[in-house]
C-alpha atoms as a PDB file:
ATOM      1  CA  MET A   1       0.053   0.074  -0.116  1.00  0.00           C
ATOM      2  CA  LYS A   2       1.440   3.210  -0.968  1.00  0.00           C
ATOM      3  CA  ASN A   3       1.544   6.507   1.381  1.00  0.00           C
ATOM      4  CA  ASN A   4      -1.359   8.543   0.686  1.00  0.00           C
ATOM      5  CA  PRO A   5      -0.593  12.222   1.806  1.00  0.00           C
ATOM      6  CA  ASN A   6      -4.165  12.848   2.311  1.00  0.00           C
ATOM      7  CA  ARG A   7      -4.706  10.207   4.864  1.00  0.00           C
ATOM      8  CA  LYS A   8      -4.759  11.178   8.409  1.00  0.00           C
ATOM      9  CA  ASN A   9      -2.172   9.312  10.945  1.00  0.00           C
ATOM     10  CA  PRO A  10      -4.330   7.818  13.740  1.00  0.00           C
ATOM     11  CA  ASN A  11      -1.133   7.679  15.922  1.00  0.00           C
ATOM     12  CA  LYS A  12      -0.571  11.318  15.691  1.00  0.00           C
ATOM     13  CA  LYS A  13      -1.497  13.525  18.782  1.00  0.00           C
ATOM     14  CA  PRO A  14      -3.492  16.667  18.007  1.00  0.00           C
ATOM     15  CA  GLU A  15      -1.883  19.948  19.417  1.00  0.00           C
ATOM     16  CA  PRO A  16      -3.606  21.818  22.165  1.00  0.00           C
ATOM     17  CA  GLY A  17      -6.321  24.248  20.920  1.00  0.00           C
ATOM     18  CA  SER A  18      -6.483  22.244  17.428  1.00  0.00           C
ATOM     19  CA  GLY A  19      -9.300  19.623  18.313  1.00  0.00           C
ATOM     20  CA  PRO A  20     -12.954  19.710  16.979  1.00  0.00           C
ATOM     21  CA  SER A  21     -14.070  21.067  20.266  1.00  0.00           C
ATOM     22  CA  SER A  22     -11.908  24.202  19.888  1.00  0.00           C
ATOM     23  CA  PRO A  23     -14.185  27.062  18.737  1.00  0.00           C
ATOM     24  CA  SER A  24     -11.436  28.473  16.521  1.00  0.00           C
ATOM     25  CA  ALA A  25     -11.111  24.967  14.785  1.00  0.00           C
ATOM     26  CA  THR A  26     -14.873  24.625  14.289  1.00  0.00           C
ATOM     27  CA  GLY A  27     -15.219  28.308  13.285  1.00  0.00           C
ATOM     28  CA  ARG A  28     -18.202  28.547  15.792  1.00  0.00           C
ATOM     29  CA  LYS A  29     -18.153  29.569  19.221  1.00  0.00           C
ATOM     30  CA  TYR A  30     -19.607  27.581  21.800  1.00  0.00           C
ATOM     31  CA  ILE A  31     -20.092  27.360  25.519  1.00  0.00           C
ATOM     32  CA  SER A  32     -20.434  24.085  27.570  1.00  0.00           C
ATOM     33  CA  VAL A  33     -23.559  23.807  29.707  1.00  0.00           C
ATOM     34  CA  LEU A  34     -24.746  21.222  32.165  1.00  0.00           C
ATOM     35  CA  PHE A  35     -28.520  21.127  31.874  1.00  0.00           C
ATOM     36  CA  GLU A  36     -29.373  20.061  35.483  1.00  0.00           C
ATOM     37  CA  CYS A  37     -32.930  19.234  34.581  1.00  0.00           C
ATOM     38  CA  CYS A  38     -31.598  16.049  32.643  1.00  0.00           C
ATOM     39  CA  GLY A  39     -27.969  15.881  34.337  1.00  0.00           C
ATOM     40  CA  ILE A  40     -26.405  16.197  30.767  1.00  0.00           C
ATOM     41  CA  TYR A  41     -23.749  18.638  29.351  1.00  0.00           C
ATOM     42  CA  ASN A  42     -24.190  19.885  25.985  1.00  0.00           C
ATOM     43  CA  ARG A  43     -22.624  22.599  23.667  1.00  0.00           C
ATOM     44  CA  VAL A  44     -24.579  25.730  23.173  1.00  0.00           C
ATOM     45  CA  TYR A  45     -23.437  27.678  19.868  1.00  0.00           C
ATOM     46  CA  ILE A  46     -23.363  31.370  19.253  1.00  0.00           C
ATOM     47  CA  ASN A  47     -26.443  32.601  17.170  1.00  0.00           C
ATOM     48  CA  ARG A  48     -25.919  34.162  13.768  1.00  0.00           C
ATOM     49  CA  ALA A  49     -26.353  37.711  14.937  1.00  0.00           C
ATOM     50  CA  LYS A  50     -23.725  36.921  17.691  1.00  0.00           C
ATOM     51  CA  THR A  51     -25.861  38.278  20.462  1.00  0.00           C
ATOM     52  CA  ALA A  52     -26.378  35.144  22.296  1.00  0.00           C
ATOM     53  CA  TYR A  53     -25.620  31.324  22.908  1.00  0.00           C
ATOM     54  CA  VAL A  54     -28.794  29.422  22.061  1.00  0.00           C
ATOM     55  CA  GLY A  55     -29.489  25.712  22.574  1.00  0.00           C
ATOM     56  CA  TRP A  56     -31.605  23.002  24.227  1.00  0.00           C
ATOM     57  CA  CYS A  57     -31.492  20.279  26.328  1.00  0.00           C
ATOM     58  CA  PRO A  58     -30.778  17.130  24.320  1.00  0.00           C
ATOM     59  CA  LYS A  59     -32.990  14.935  26.444  1.00  0.00           C
ATOM     60  CA  CYS A  60     -36.227  17.161  27.371  1.00  0.00           C
ATOM     61  CA  CYS A  61     -35.560  19.815  24.698  1.00  0.00           C
ATOM     62  CA  ARG A  62     -35.556  22.656  27.392  1.00  0.00           C
ATOM     63  CA  ARG A  63     -34.475  25.705  25.576  1.00  0.00           C
ATOM     64  CA  LEU A  64     -31.596  28.206  26.935  1.00  0.00           C
ATOM     65  CA  GLU A  65     -30.651  31.374  25.638  1.00  0.00           C
ATOM     66  CA  VAL A  66     -27.393  32.965  27.076  1.00  0.00           C
ATOM     67  CA  LYS A  67     -27.131  36.870  26.189  1.00  0.00           C
ATOM     68  CA  ILE A  68     -23.763  38.310  25.309  1.00  0.00           C
ATOM     69  CA  GLY A  69     -23.199  41.371  27.346  1.00  0.00           C
ATOM     70  CA  PRO A  70     -20.865  44.228  26.263  1.00  0.00           C
ATOM     71  CA  ASP A  71     -17.940  43.286  28.872  1.00  0.00           C
ATOM     72  CA  GLY A  72     -18.281  39.561  28.251  1.00  0.00           C
ATOM     73  CA  ILE A  73     -16.826  36.741  30.649  1.00  0.00           C
ATOM     74  CA  ASP A  74     -13.678  34.283  30.290  1.00  0.00           C
ATOM     75  CA  CYS A  75     -15.856  31.411  31.771  1.00  0.00           C
ATOM     76  CA  ARG A  76     -16.849  28.616  29.050  1.00  0.00           C
ATOM     77  CA  PHE A  77     -18.733  26.446  31.322  1.00  0.00           C
ATOM     78  CA  PHE A  78     -22.085  26.730  33.019  1.00  0.00           C
ATOM     79  CA  LYS A  79     -25.130  25.161  34.648  1.00  0.00           C
ATOM     80  CA  ALA A  80     -28.565  25.737  33.687  1.00  0.00           C
ATOM     81  CA  GLU A  81     -31.041  25.126  36.272  1.00  0.00           C
END
């Protein structure tokens, strides 16, 4: 079998910040949220207007909207009660 330059090396470890969970790698920013209603974590992605992060609990479909303030915050993990 010839070496294929387009084939990914399964033994190569990804560099920090370059994985699929990195907002810069996917091009879409997100926050991680623990939906306490069902005890499940899920990503909540930024909306198109970039005014809020909007998502739903993957189990009970409860909607969550986290508005983005002018000062922002560095925290990427939240709990939704």
